[in-house]
Amino acid sequence: MKSTNIYRSPSFFKGMARTVDIFGKLDAYKYTTDPDSELLHRDWLVTGEDLQDQIDHHEKKPSYQTS
């Protein structure tokens, strides 16, 4: 799965370069028409993956019968 961050993490050298970047060519943000819906979609994808992992884990677990 791709990163869920919509902004790049800052660094010292990039910050220094931004001070002289007059035309804003260094930053390339992932703009979307509705970032909230994109993030909500990613959250549900991660939730679905976690749920599937737990279902798979439960199916592999031996069942104990006490009869």
Foldseek 3Di string as FASTA:
>chain_A
DDDLDQADDDDDVVVVVVVVCPPPPPGDTDDDPDSVVVSVVVVVVVVVVVVVVVVVVVVPDDDDDDD
